[in-house]
């Protein structure tokens, strides 16, 4: 009987030690809509959750749509981006998800998250680092991107462009939205697109192309941005004729797409597909216990997609950790098709 007691005590102490090895159940890297959505579902199910975010909560939504209307999130018609993110944060706090303002430096194979302030080990990791504006890599781009010298990725405050000549580069929703935001404040707007048609929503394009102070420059790209201390000129190249044209501009909006933030996960040896982390239908990566959601895992850069994928990852994280009767504990894929 004494031996049985000692054996059971040893098991208990071993379990306690193992439990103490973990900071929390789920570590979520990225506080955008996908990461916050995953945190809400996981914490609601009773898991201990920590979200790491070094910038603004809401990620690209806070950057792009803070003062704009989000028109395509179901159940929240015509809601300001900031208001939508505020609701996400409030709900995450209500279910007691921990939100940490720390920058993640790397993630180790044992699911330890290393930040600028410490180390935290988790049972499950959910990667939700989203995306950031891509660069064209042209002369002058970085020079004039610093300290309001003329180059921007988004129109965060239309008043900055009042009575200015602005060139907007791109053919997606961000570019079209930027032109629309500038329609009543800018003196002149050039919309430069490398193709002869736009991939943005057709309803938006129709409104923009009819504006009197907007000039559409099709089949063209910016080759160089010029100026002394601030941006003064842009050099356009016609892709068909190869002719160059120099225009006077005060500002340039580079709405040329996004790139994913996955460099900090190099030590995990994640399977990738170009700029995306490969996942299966359950949002599992090839590394056991590591999920990826949102912009890092799909080309569908929509709020509703990121939130849905976050819910899938959180659901599976709960199943892995708590092992309820309904959860099918299938073999983790080490290769993603």
C-alpha atoms as a PDB file:
ATOM      1  CA  UNK A   1       0.000   0.000   0.000  1.00  0.00           C
ATOM      2  CA  UNK A   2       2.873   2.328   0.884  1.00  0.00           C
ATOM      3  CA  UNK A   3       4.529   1.550  -2.478  1.00  0.00           C
ATOM      4  CA  UNK A   4       1.279   2.308  -4.284  1.00  0.00           C
ATOM      5  CA  UNK A   5       1.011   5.659  -2.491  1.00  0.00           C
ATOM      6  CA  UNK A   6       4.585   6.574  -3.375  1.00  0.00           C
ATOM      7  CA  UNK A   7       3.987   5.559  -7.009  1.00  0.00           C
ATOM      8  CA  UNK A   8       0.853   7.683  -7.268  1.00  0.00           C
ATOM      9  CA  UNK A   9       2.585  10.624  -5.569  1.00  0.00           C
ATOM     10  CA  UNK A  10       5.456  10.377  -8.026  1.00  0.00           C
ATOM     11  CA  UNK A  11       3.006  10.418 -10.945  1.00  0.00           C
ATOM     12  CA  UNK A  12       1.271  13.464  -9.494  1.00  0.00           C
ATOM     13  CA  UNK A  13       4.533  15.333  -8.966  1.00  0.00           C
ATOM     14  CA  UNK A  14       5.674  14.424 -12.483  1.00  0.00           C
ATOM     15  CA  UNK A  15       2.433  15.747 -13.939  1.00  0.00           C
ATOM     16  CA  UNK A  16       2.714  18.922 -11.860  1.00  0.00           C
ATOM     17  CA  UNK A  17       6.277  19.477 -13.046  1.00  0.00           C
ATOM     18  CA  UNK A  18       5.234  18.917 -16.638  1.00  0.00           C
ATOM     19  CA  UNK A  19       2.332  21.330 -16.227  1.00  0.00           C
ATOM     20  CA  UNK A  20       4.674  23.964 -14.829  1.00  0.00           C
ATOM     21  CA  UNK A  21       6.926  23.625 -17.864  1.00  0.00           C
ATOM     22  CA  UNK A  22       4.286  25.454 -19.879  1.00  0.00           C
ATOM     23  CA  UNK A  23       3.489  29.136 -19.561  1.00  0.00           C
ATOM     24  CA  UNK A  24      -0.001  28.558 -20.995  1.00  0.00           C
ATOM     25  CA  UNK A  25      -1.917  26.196 -23.255  1.00  0.00           C
ATOM     26  CA  UNK A  26      -1.895  28.229 -26.459  1.00  0.00           C
ATOM     27  CA  UNK A  27       0.529  30.862 -27.669  1.00  0.00           C
ATOM     28  CA  UNK A  28      -0.788  32.973 -30.534  1.00  0.00           C
ATOM     29  CA  UNK A  29       1.743  35.005 -32.487  1.00  0.00           C
ATOM     30  CA  UNK A  30       0.017  37.990 -34.011  1.00  0.00           C
ATOM     31  CA  UNK A  31      -2.853  40.113 -32.733  1.00  0.00           C
ATOM     32  CA  UNK A  32      -4.681  40.681 -35.999  1.00  0.00           C
ATOM     33  CA  UNK A  33      -8.252  39.549 -36.620  1.00  0.00           C
ATOM     34  CA  UNK A  34      -7.160  35.931 -37.104  1.00  0.00           C
ATOM     35  CA  UNK A  35      -5.091  35.837 -33.930  1.00  0.00           C
ATOM     36  CA  UNK A  36      -7.725  37.613 -31.840  1.00  0.00           C
ATOM     37  CA  UNK A  37     -10.443  35.387 -33.284  1.00  0.00           C
ATOM     38  CA  UNK A  38      -8.469  32.255 -32.393  1.00  0.00           C
ATOM     39  CA  UNK A  39      -7.843  33.636 -28.888  1.00  0.00           C
ATOM     40  CA  UNK A  40     -11.534  34.299 -28.305  1.00  0.00           C
ATOM     41  CA  UNK A  41     -12.585  30.775 -29.310  1.00  0.00           C
ATOM     42  CA  UNK A  42      -9.741  29.013 -27.458  1.00  0.00           C
ATOM     43  CA  UNK A  43     -10.222  31.019 -24.249  1.00  0.00           C
ATOM     44  CA  UNK A  44     -14.003  30.632 -24.457  1.00  0.00           C
ATOM     45  CA  UNK A  45     -13.452  26.858 -24.471  1.00  0.00           C
ATOM     46  CA  UNK A  46     -11.456  27.166 -21.259  1.00  0.00           C
ATOM     47  CA  UNK A  47      -7.875  27.135 -22.496  1.00  0.00           C
ATOM     48  CA  UNK A  48      -5.249  29.465 -21.115  1.00  0.00           C
ATOM     49  CA  UNK A  49      -4.263  31.709 -24.033  1.00  0.00           C
ATOM     50  CA  UNK A  50      -1.571  34.320 -24.630  1.00  0.00           C
ATOM     51  CA  UNK A  51      -1.478  36.606 -27.685  1.00  0.00           C
ATOM     52  CA  UNK A  52       1.749  38.350 -28.690  1.00  0.00           C
ATOM     53  CA  UNK A  53       1.526  41.572 -30.695  1.00  0.00           C
ATOM     54  CA  UNK A  54       4.259  44.193 -31.024  1.00  0.00           C
ATOM     55  CA  UNK A  55       2.208  46.731 -32.978  1.00  0.00           C
ATOM     56  CA  UNK A  56      -1.458  47.647 -33.148  1.00  0.00           C
ATOM     57  CA  UNK A  57      -4.084  45.029 -32.410  1.00  0.00           C
ATOM     58  CA  UNK A  58      -6.037  44.335 -35.555  1.00  0.00           C
ATOM     59  CA  UNK A  59      -2.926  44.203 -37.730  1.00  0.00           C
ATOM     60  CA  UNK A  60      -3.493  45.333 -41.274  1.00  0.00           C
ATOM     61  CA  UNK A  61      -7.149  46.187 -40.522  1.00  0.00           C
ATOM     62  CA  UNK A  62      -6.009  48.801 -38.003  1.00  0.00           C
ATOM     63  CA  UNK A  63      -3.504  50.152 -40.517  1.00  0.00           C
ATOM     64  CA  UNK A  64      -5.751  50.088 -43.579  1.00  0.00           C
ATOM     65  CA  UNK A  65      -9.239  50.581 -42.211  1.00  0.00           C
ATOM     66  CA  UNK A  66      -8.844  52.378 -38.899  1.00  0.00           C
ATOM     67  CA  UNK A  67     -10.832  55.372 -40.205  1.00  0.00           C
ATOM     68  CA  UNK A  68     -12.572  53.545 -43.024  1.00  0.00           C
ATOM     69  CA  UNK A  69     -15.726  51.524 -43.289  1.00  0.00           C
ATOM     70  CA  UNK A  70     -15.373  47.749 -43.426  1.00  0.00           C
ATOM     71  CA  UNK A  71     -18.109  46.722 -45.828  1.00  0.00           C
ATOM     72  CA  UNK A  72     -17.657  42.966 -46.168  1.00  0.00           C
ATOM     73  CA  UNK A  73     -17.586  41.539 -42.625  1.00  0.00           C
ATOM     74  CA  UNK A  74     -20.859  39.611 -42.142  1.00  0.00           C
ATOM     75  CA  UNK A  75     -23.039  40.788 -39.283  1.00  0.00           C
ATOM     76  CA  UNK A  76     -21.322  44.177 -38.947  1.00  0.00           C
ATOM     77  CA  UNK A  77     -22.526  46.363 -41.839  1.00  0.00           C
ATOM     78  CA  UNK A  78     -20.749  49.674 -42.389  1.00  0.00           C
ATOM     79  CA  UNK A  79     -18.559  49.428 -39.306  1.00  0.00           C
ATOM     80  CA  UNK A  80     -15.397  51.476 -38.838  1.00  0.00           C
ATOM     81  CA  UNK A  81     -12.238  49.375 -38.816  1.00  0.00           C
ATOM     82  CA  UNK A  82     -11.225  50.748 -35.413  1.00  0.00           C
ATOM     83  CA  UNK A  83     -14.630  49.957 -33.935  1.00  0.00           C
ATOM     84  CA  UNK A  84     -14.498  46.388 -35.259  1.00  0.00           C
ATOM     85  CA  UNK A  85     -11.049  45.782 -33.761  1.00  0.00           C
ATOM     86  CA  UNK A  86     -12.085  47.373 -30.455  1.00  0.00           C
ATOM     87  CA  UNK A  87     -14.892  44.813 -30.253  1.00  0.00           C
ATOM     88  CA  UNK A  88     -12.447  41.954 -30.932  1.00  0.00           C
ATOM     89  CA  UNK A  89     -10.112  43.172 -28.165  1.00  0.00           C
ATOM     90  CA  UNK A  90     -12.949  43.662 -25.669  1.00  0.00           C
ATOM     91  CA  UNK A  91     -14.268  40.166 -26.306  1.00  0.00           C
ATOM     92  CA  UNK A  92     -10.785  38.628 -26.012  1.00  0.00           C
ATOM     93  CA  UNK A  93     -10.337  40.333 -22.646  1.00  0.00           C
ATOM     94  CA  UNK A  94     -13.785  39.246 -21.477  1.00  0.00           C
ATOM     95  CA  UNK A  95     -12.889  35.571 -21.991  1.00  0.00           C
ATOM     96  CA  UNK A  96      -9.580  36.253 -20.177  1.00  0.00           C
ATOM     97  CA  UNK A  97      -7.162  35.826 -23.052  1.00  0.00           C
ATOM     98  CA  UNK A  98      -3.851  37.434 -22.138  1.00  0.00           C
ATOM     99  CA  UNK A  99      -2.721  40.146 -24.564  1.00  0.00           C
ATOM    100  CA  UNK A 100       0.999  40.886 -24.463  1.00  0.00           C
ATOM    101  CA  UNK A 101       2.639  43.843 -26.212  1.00  0.00           C
ATOM    102  CA  UNK A 102       5.884  42.042 -26.959  1.00  0.00           C
ATOM    103  CA  UNK A 103       7.829  41.484 -30.177  1.00  0.00           C
ATOM    104  CA  UNK A 104       8.434  37.840 -31.039  1.00  0.00           C
ATOM    105  CA  UNK A 105      12.028  37.258 -32.128  1.00  0.00           C
ATOM    106  CA  UNK A 106      11.887  33.527 -32.832  1.00  0.00           C
ATOM    107  CA  UNK A 107      10.028  30.307 -32.063  1.00  0.00           C
ATOM    108  CA  UNK A 108      11.987  27.222 -30.996  1.00  0.00           C
ATOM    109  CA  UNK A 109      11.136  23.609 -31.955  1.00  0.00           C
ATOM    110  CA  UNK A 110       9.846  22.834 -28.431  1.00  0.00           C
ATOM    111  CA  UNK A 111       7.214  25.551 -28.954  1.00  0.00           C
ATOM    112  CA  UNK A 112       9.036  28.146 -26.882  1.00  0.00           C
ATOM    113  CA  UNK A 113       8.302  31.703 -27.967  1.00  0.00           C
ATOM    114  CA  UNK A 114      11.243  34.070 -27.552  1.00  0.00           C
ATOM    115  CA  UNK A 115      10.310  37.751 -27.327  1.00  0.00           C
ATOM    116  CA  UNK A 116      12.146  40.975 -26.604  1.00  0.00           C
ATOM    117  CA  UNK A 117      11.156  40.531 -22.945  1.00  0.00           C
ATOM    118  CA  UNK A 118      11.292  36.820 -22.187  1.00  0.00           C
ATOM    119  CA  UNK A 119      10.701  33.172 -23.095  1.00  0.00           C
ATOM    120  CA  UNK A 120       7.368  31.347 -22.959  1.00  0.00           C
ATOM    121  CA  UNK A 121       6.678  27.670 -23.687  1.00  0.00           C
ATOM    122  CA  UNK A 122       3.268  26.479 -24.875  1.00  0.00           C
ATOM    123  CA  UNK A 123       1.491  23.237 -25.674  1.00  0.00           C
ATOM    124  CA  UNK A 124       0.219  24.669 -28.961  1.00  0.00           C
ATOM    125  CA  UNK A 125       1.369  27.521 -31.174  1.00  0.00           C
ATOM    126  CA  UNK A 126      -0.907  29.373 -33.605  1.00  0.00           C
ATOM    127  CA  UNK A 127       0.935  31.496 -36.169  1.00  0.00           C
ATOM    128  CA  UNK A 128      -1.149  34.527 -37.147  1.00  0.00           C
ATOM    129  CA  UNK A 129       1.489  37.078 -38.128  1.00  0.00           C
ATOM    130  CA  UNK A 130      -0.472  38.314 -41.126  1.00  0.00           C
ATOM    131  CA  UNK A 131       1.173  40.390 -43.809  1.00  0.00           C
ATOM    132  CA  UNK A 132       2.800  43.754 -44.401  1.00  0.00           C
ATOM    133  CA  UNK A 133       3.091  46.052 -47.424  1.00  0.00           C
ATOM    134  CA  UNK A 134       5.359  44.796 -50.185  1.00  0.00           C
ATOM    135  CA  UNK A 135       8.063  46.984 -51.685  1.00  0.00           C
ATOM    136  CA  UNK A 136       8.689  47.755 -55.357  1.00  0.00           C
ATOM    137  CA  UNK A 137      12.433  48.028 -54.826  1.00  0.00           C
ATOM    138  CA  UNK A 138      12.769  51.086 -57.073  1.00  0.00           C
ATOM    139  CA  UNK A 139      15.198  54.006 -56.640  1.00  0.00           C
ATOM    140  CA  UNK A 140      13.878  56.589 -54.193  1.00  0.00           C
ATOM    141  CA  UNK A 141      11.310  54.323 -52.554  1.00  0.00           C
ATOM    142  CA  UNK A 142      13.017  53.964 -49.183  1.00  0.00           C
ATOM    143  CA  UNK A 143      14.558  57.436 -49.272  1.00  0.00           C
ATOM    144  CA  UNK A 144      11.159  59.156 -49.345  1.00  0.00           C
ATOM    145  CA  UNK A 145       9.357  56.662 -47.128  1.00  0.00           C
ATOM    146  CA  UNK A 146      10.906  58.050 -43.969  1.00  0.00           C
ATOM    147  CA  UNK A 147       9.386  60.866 -41.904  1.00  0.00           C
ATOM    148  CA  UNK A 148       6.609  61.935 -44.272  1.00  0.00           C
ATOM    149  CA  UNK A 149       8.895  62.699 -47.199  1.00  0.00           C
ATOM    150  CA  UNK A 150       6.312  61.601 -49.740  1.00  0.00           C
ATOM    151  CA  UNK A 151       6.005  57.797 -49.994  1.00  0.00           C
ATOM    152  CA  UNK A 152       3.238  55.896 -48.189  1.00  0.00           C
ATOM    153  CA  UNK A 153       1.523  52.521 -48.372  1.00  0.00           C
ATOM    154  CA  UNK A 154      -1.931  53.662 -47.310  1.00  0.00           C
ATOM    155  CA  UNK A 155      -4.054  56.780 -46.997  1.00  0.00           C
ATOM    156  CA  UNK A 156      -4.437  56.881 -43.225  1.00  0.00           C
ATOM    157  CA  UNK A 157      -5.229  60.612 -43.072  1.00  0.00           C
ATOM    158  CA  UNK A 158      -6.594  62.197 -46.287  1.00  0.00           C
ATOM    159  CA  UNK A 159      -5.833  65.704 -44.968  1.00  0.00           C
ATOM    160  CA  UNK A 160      -2.106  65.011 -45.402  1.00  0.00           C
ATOM    161  CA  UNK A 161      -2.694  65.111 -49.168  1.00  0.00           C
ATOM    162  CA  UNK A 162      -4.774  68.274 -49.320  1.00  0.00           C
ATOM    163  CA  UNK A 163      -4.206  70.210 -52.568  1.00  0.00           C
ATOM    164  CA  UNK A 164      -1.355  67.865 -53.529  1.00  0.00           C
ATOM    165  CA  UNK A 165      -0.561  65.920 -56.682  1.00  0.00           C
ATOM    166  CA  UNK A 166      -0.582  62.233 -55.777  1.00  0.00           C
ATOM    167  CA  UNK A 167       0.359  59.124 -57.733  1.00  0.00           C
ATOM    168  CA  UNK A 168      -1.276  55.877 -56.586  1.00  0.00           C
ATOM    169  CA  UNK A 169       0.281  52.611 -57.746  1.00  0.00           C
ATOM    170  CA  UNK A 170      -1.674  49.343 -57.868  1.00  0.00           C
ATOM    171  CA  UNK A 171      -4.771  47.652 -59.200  1.00  0.00           C
ATOM    172  CA  UNK A 172      -6.393  46.086 -56.147  1.00  0.00           C
ATOM    173  CA  UNK A 173      -8.930  47.261 -53.592  1.00  0.00           C
ATOM    174  CA  UNK A 174      -6.325  49.167 -51.572  1.00  0.00           C
ATOM    175  CA  UNK A 175      -5.280  51.249 -54.584  1.00  0.00           C
ATOM    176  CA  UNK A 176      -8.864  51.983 -55.619  1.00  0.00           C
ATOM    177  CA  UNK A 177      -9.841  52.823 -52.029  1.00  0.00           C
ATOM    178  CA  UNK A 178      -6.874  55.195 -51.803  1.00  0.00           C
ATOM    179  CA  UNK A 179      -7.988  57.094 -54.906  1.00  0.00           C
ATOM    180  CA  UNK A 180     -11.524  57.308 -53.551  1.00  0.00           C
ATOM    181  CA  UNK A 181     -10.239  58.665 -50.222  1.00  0.00           C
ATOM    182  CA  UNK A 182      -8.277  61.374 -52.062  1.00  0.00           C
ATOM    183  CA  UNK A 183     -11.014  62.428 -54.486  1.00  0.00           C
ATOM    184  CA  UNK A 184     -12.112  65.534 -52.552  1.00  0.00           C
ATOM    185  CA  UNK A 185      -8.769  66.616 -51.077  1.00  0.00           C
ATOM    186  CA  UNK A 186      -6.033  66.061 -53.679  1.00  0.00           C
ATOM    187  CA  UNK A 187      -5.527  68.472 -56.566  1.00  0.00           C
ATOM    188  CA  UNK A 188      -4.698  65.661 -58.976  1.00  0.00           C
ATOM    189  CA  UNK A 189      -4.473  61.863 -58.687  1.00  0.00           C
ATOM    190  CA  UNK A 190      -2.636  59.572 -61.094  1.00  0.00           C
ATOM    191  CA  UNK A 191      -3.630  55.916 -60.810  1.00  0.00           C
ATOM    192  CA  UNK A 192      -0.846  53.809 -62.304  1.00  0.00           C
ATOM    193  CA  UNK A 193      -1.534  50.136 -63.006  1.00  0.00           C
ATOM    194  CA  UNK A 194       0.718  47.667 -64.786  1.00  0.00           C
ATOM    195  CA  UNK A 195      -2.230  45.983 -66.533  1.00  0.00           C
ATOM    196  CA  UNK A 196      -5.217  47.137 -68.595  1.00  0.00           C
ATOM    197  CA  UNK A 197      -7.863  46.073 -66.075  1.00  0.00           C
ATOM    198  CA  UNK A 198      -8.252  46.112 -62.290  1.00  0.00           C
ATOM    199  CA  UNK A 199      -8.653  43.217 -59.870  1.00  0.00           C
ATOM    200  CA  UNK A 200     -10.503  45.426 -57.373  1.00  0.00           C
ATOM    201  CA  UNK A 201     -14.264  45.203 -56.892  1.00  0.00           C
ATOM    202  CA  UNK A 202     -15.945  46.363 -60.098  1.00  0.00           C
ATOM    203  CA  UNK A 203     -18.413  48.587 -58.236  1.00  0.00           C
ATOM    204  CA  UNK A 204     -15.517  50.567 -56.740  1.00  0.00           C
ATOM    205  CA  UNK A 205     -13.613  50.824 -60.017  1.00  0.00           C
ATOM    206  CA  UNK A 206     -16.610  52.324 -61.815  1.00  0.00           C
ATOM    207  CA  UNK A 207     -16.832  55.146 -59.279  1.00  0.00           C
ATOM    208  CA  UNK A 208     -13.116  55.938 -59.461  1.00  0.00           C
ATOM    209  CA  UNK A 209     -12.594  55.987 -63.244  1.00  0.00           C
ATOM    210  CA  UNK A 210     -15.307  58.635 -63.652  1.00  0.00           C
ATOM    211  CA  UNK A 211     -13.682  61.150 -61.279  1.00  0.00           C
ATOM    212  CA  UNK A 212     -12.593  64.360 -63.020  1.00  0.00           C
ATOM    213  CA  UNK A 213      -9.351  64.881 -61.082  1.00  0.00           C
ATOM    214  CA  UNK A 214      -8.163  61.288 -61.625  1.00  0.00           C
ATOM    215  CA  UNK A 215      -6.015  60.150 -64.552  1.00  0.00           C
ATOM    216  CA  UNK A 216      -5.799  56.396 -65.127  1.00  0.00           C
ATOM    217  CA  UNK A 217      -2.435  55.283 -66.507  1.00  0.00           C
ATOM    218  CA  UNK A 218      -2.830  51.713 -67.754  1.00  0.00           C
ATOM    219  CA  UNK A 219      -0.068  49.239 -68.685  1.00  0.00           C
ATOM    220  CA  UNK A 220       2.501  51.306 -66.830  1.00  0.00           C
ATOM    221  CA  UNK A 221       4.708  51.129 -63.778  1.00  0.00           C
ATOM    222  CA  UNK A 222       6.822  53.499 -61.719  1.00  0.00           C
ATOM    223  CA  UNK A 223      10.502  53.175 -62.538  1.00  0.00           C
ATOM    224  CA  UNK A 224      11.916  55.820 -60.185  1.00  0.00           C
ATOM    225  CA  UNK A 225      10.963  58.383 -57.543  1.00  0.00           C
ATOM    226  CA  UNK A 226      13.004  61.596 -57.606  1.00  0.00           C
ATOM    227  CA  UNK A 227      13.599  64.657 -55.466  1.00  0.00           C
ATOM    228  CA  UNK A 228      16.122  66.423 -53.247  1.00  0.00           C
ATOM    229  CA  UNK A 229      14.841  66.351 -49.660  1.00  0.00           C
ATOM    230  CA  UNK A 230      11.227  65.366 -50.427  1.00  0.00           C
ATOM    231  CA  UNK A 231       9.458  63.611 -53.292  1.00  0.00           C
ATOM    232  CA  UNK A 232       9.110  65.842 -56.349  1.00  0.00           C
ATOM    233  CA  UNK A 233       8.780  63.650 -59.434  1.00  0.00           C
ATOM    234  CA  UNK A 234       7.855  60.133 -60.545  1.00  0.00           C
ATOM    235  CA  UNK A 235       9.179  58.425 -63.658  1.00  0.00           C
ATOM    236  CA  UNK A 236       6.572  56.241 -65.381  1.00  0.00           C
ATOM    237  CA  UNK A 237       7.398  53.476 -67.862  1.00  0.00           C
ATOM    238  CA  UNK A 238       4.866  52.295 -70.450  1.00  0.00           C
ATOM    239  CA  UNK A 239       5.185  48.498 -70.498  1.00  0.00           C
ATOM    240  CA  UNK A 240       4.053  48.245 -74.120  1.00  0.00           C
ATOM    241  CA  UNK A 241       5.865  51.118 -75.838  1.00  0.00           C
ATOM    242  CA  UNK A 242       8.805  51.302 -73.368  1.00  0.00           C
ATOM    243  CA  UNK A 243       8.427  55.090 -73.417  1.00  0.00           C
ATOM    244  CA  UNK A 244       9.121  57.013 -70.216  1.00  0.00           C
ATOM    245  CA  UNK A 245       7.155  59.904 -68.784  1.00  0.00           C
ATOM    246  CA  UNK A 246       8.104  62.154 -65.872  1.00  0.00           C
ATOM    247  CA  UNK A 247       5.319  63.702 -63.807  1.00  0.00           C
ATOM    248  CA  UNK A 248       5.360  66.232 -60.959  1.00  0.00           C
ATOM    249  CA  UNK A 249       4.043  64.706 -57.730  1.00  0.00           C
ATOM    250  CA  UNK A 250       4.011  65.568 -54.037  1.00  0.00           C
ATOM    251  CA  UNK A 251       3.153  62.118 -52.757  1.00  0.00           C
ATOM    252  CA  UNK A 252       3.102  58.472 -53.823  1.00  0.00           C
ATOM    253  CA  UNK A 253       0.859  55.694 -52.477  1.00  0.00           C
ATOM    254  CA  UNK A 254       2.403  52.283 -53.136  1.00  0.00           C
ATOM    255  CA  UNK A 255      -0.554  49.903 -52.893  1.00  0.00           C
ATOM    256  CA  UNK A 256       1.303  47.046 -54.559  1.00  0.00           C
ATOM    257  CA  UNK A 257       0.267  44.079 -52.456  1.00  0.00           C
ATOM    258  CA  UNK A 258       1.413  42.416 -49.284  1.00  0.00           C
ATOM    259  CA  UNK A 259       4.185  40.103 -48.143  1.00  0.00           C
ATOM    260  CA  UNK A 260       3.934  37.588 -45.331  1.00  0.00           C
ATOM    261  CA  UNK A 261       5.802  37.713 -42.026  1.00  0.00           C
ATOM    262  CA  UNK A 262       7.321  34.237 -41.630  1.00  0.00           C
ATOM    263  CA  UNK A 263      11.063  34.846 -41.222  1.00  0.00           C
ATOM    264  CA  UNK A 264      10.964  34.432 -37.432  1.00  0.00           C
ATOM    265  CA  UNK A 265       9.872  30.797 -37.827  1.00  0.00           C
ATOM    266  CA  UNK A 266      12.978  29.553 -39.641  1.00  0.00           C
ATOM    267  CA  UNK A 267      14.002  27.270 -36.754  1.00  0.00           C
ATOM    268  CA  UNK A 268      10.700  25.409 -36.983  1.00  0.00           C
ATOM    269  CA  UNK A 269      11.490  24.189 -40.526  1.00  0.00           C
ATOM    270  CA  UNK A 270       7.929  24.751 -41.637  1.00  0.00           C
ATOM    271  CA  UNK A 271       6.855  23.458 -45.019  1.00  0.00           C
ATOM    272  CA  UNK A 272       6.137  26.435 -47.291  1.00  0.00           C
ATOM    273  CA  UNK A 273       4.538  27.207 -50.615  1.00  0.00           C
ATOM    274  CA  UNK A 274       6.162  30.392 -51.839  1.00  0.00           C
ATOM    275  CA  UNK A 275       5.324  33.123 -49.339  1.00  0.00           C
ATOM    276  CA  UNK A 276       2.730  30.998 -47.533  1.00  0.00           C
ATOM    277  CA  UNK A 277       3.034  28.376 -44.784  1.00  0.00           C
ATOM    278  CA  UNK A 278       1.510  25.100 -45.951  1.00  0.00           C
ATOM    279  CA  UNK A 279      -1.453  23.873 -43.892  1.00  0.00           C
ATOM    280  CA  UNK A 280      -4.055  21.138 -44.178  1.00  0.00           C
ATOM    281  CA  UNK A 281      -7.817  21.683 -43.907  1.00  0.00           C
ATOM    282  CA  UNK A 282      -7.525  21.771 -40.097  1.00  0.00           C
ATOM    283  CA  UNK A 283      -4.942  24.593 -40.323  1.00  0.00           C
ATOM    284  CA  UNK A 284      -2.174  22.243 -39.126  1.00  0.00           C
ATOM    285  CA  UNK A 285       1.377  22.775 -40.362  1.00  0.00           C
ATOM    286  CA  UNK A 286       3.878  19.961 -40.821  1.00  0.00           C
ATOM    287  CA  UNK A 287       5.158  20.561 -37.272  1.00  0.00           C
ATOM    288  CA  UNK A 288       3.065  18.816 -34.568  1.00  0.00           C
ATOM    289  CA  UNK A 289       1.258  21.314 -32.354  1.00  0.00           C
ATOM    290  CA  UNK A 290       1.824  24.276 -34.670  1.00  0.00           C
ATOM    291  CA  UNK A 291      -1.042  25.836 -36.633  1.00  0.00           C
ATOM    292  CA  UNK A 292      -1.000  28.717 -39.138  1.00  0.00           C
ATOM    293  CA  UNK A 293      -3.932  30.941 -40.086  1.00  0.00           C
ATOM    294  CA  UNK A 294      -4.826  34.044 -42.053  1.00  0.00           C
ATOM    295  CA  UNK A 295      -2.595  35.830 -44.537  1.00  0.00           C
ATOM    296  CA  UNK A 296       0.415  33.607 -43.789  1.00  0.00           C
ATOM    297  CA  UNK A 297      -1.553  30.534 -44.840  1.00  0.00           C
ATOM    298  CA  UNK A 298      -3.885  31.646 -47.626  1.00  0.00           C
ATOM    299  CA  UNK A 299      -4.135  34.004 -50.579  1.00  0.00           C
ATOM    300  CA  UNK A 300      -7.682  34.966 -49.512  1.00  0.00           C
ATOM    301  CA  UNK A 301      -6.886  38.140 -47.599  1.00  0.00           C
ATOM    302  CA  UNK A 302     -10.299  38.655 -46.024  1.00  0.00           C
ATOM    303  CA  UNK A 303     -11.202  39.308 -42.407  1.00  0.00           C
ATOM    304  CA  UNK A 304     -13.864  36.618 -42.429  1.00  0.00           C
ATOM    305  CA  UNK A 305     -11.400  34.015 -43.745  1.00  0.00           C
ATOM    306  CA  UNK A 306      -8.788  34.784 -41.067  1.00  0.00           C
ATOM    307  CA  UNK A 307     -11.411  34.635 -38.315  1.00  0.00           C
ATOM    308  CA  UNK A 308     -12.820  31.339 -39.598  1.00  0.00           C
ATOM    309  CA  UNK A 309      -9.360  29.786 -39.814  1.00  0.00           C
ATOM    310  CA  UNK A 310      -8.609  31.015 -36.288  1.00  0.00           C
ATOM    311  CA  UNK A 311     -11.729  29.248 -35.048  1.00  0.00           C
ATOM    312  CA  UNK A 312     -10.679  26.003 -36.765  1.00  0.00           C
ATOM    313  CA  UNK A 313      -7.199  26.159 -35.221  1.00  0.00           C
ATOM    314  CA  UNK A 314      -8.598  26.955 -31.759  1.00  0.00           C
ATOM    315  CA  UNK A 315     -11.089  24.079 -32.004  1.00  0.00           C
ATOM    316  CA  UNK A 316      -8.321  21.645 -32.876  1.00  0.00           C
ATOM    317  CA  UNK A 317      -6.000  23.039 -30.202  1.00  0.00           C
ATOM    318  CA  UNK A 318      -8.703  22.368 -27.606  1.00  0.00           C
ATOM    319  CA  UNK A 319      -9.129  18.819 -28.908  1.00  0.00           C
ATOM    320  CA  UNK A 320      -5.386  18.135 -28.783  1.00  0.00           C
ATOM    321  CA  UNK A 321      -4.956  19.473 -25.258  1.00  0.00           C
ATOM    322  CA  UNK A 322      -8.129  18.368 -23.478  1.00  0.00           C
ATOM    323  CA  UNK A 323      -8.867  15.279 -25.584  1.00  0.00           C
ATOM    324  CA  UNK A 324     -12.692  15.312 -25.200  1.00  0.00           C
ATOM    325  CA  UNK A 325     -14.648  12.215 -26.219  1.00  0.00           C
ATOM    326  CA  UNK A 326     -15.738  13.746 -29.533  1.00  0.00           C
ATOM    327  CA  UNK A 327     -12.261  14.684 -30.729  1.00  0.00           C
ATOM    328  CA  UNK A 328     -10.688  12.400 -33.305  1.00  0.00           C
ATOM    329  CA  UNK A 329      -7.022  12.342 -32.385  1.00  0.00           C
ATOM    330  CA  UNK A 330      -5.755  11.574 -35.874  1.00  0.00           C
ATOM    331  CA  UNK A 331      -2.089  11.351 -36.788  1.00  0.00           C
ATOM    332  CA  UNK A 332      -0.484  14.732 -37.279  1.00  0.00           C
ATOM    333  CA  UNK A 333       0.648  15.290 -40.880  1.00  0.00           C
ATOM    334  CA  UNK A 334       4.398  15.758 -41.246  1.00  0.00           C
ATOM    335  CA  UNK A 335       3.949  16.423 -44.949  1.00  0.00           C
ATOM    336  CA  UNK A 336       1.239  18.737 -46.283  1.00  0.00           C
ATOM    337  CA  UNK A 337      -0.115  17.891 -49.708  1.00  0.00           C
END
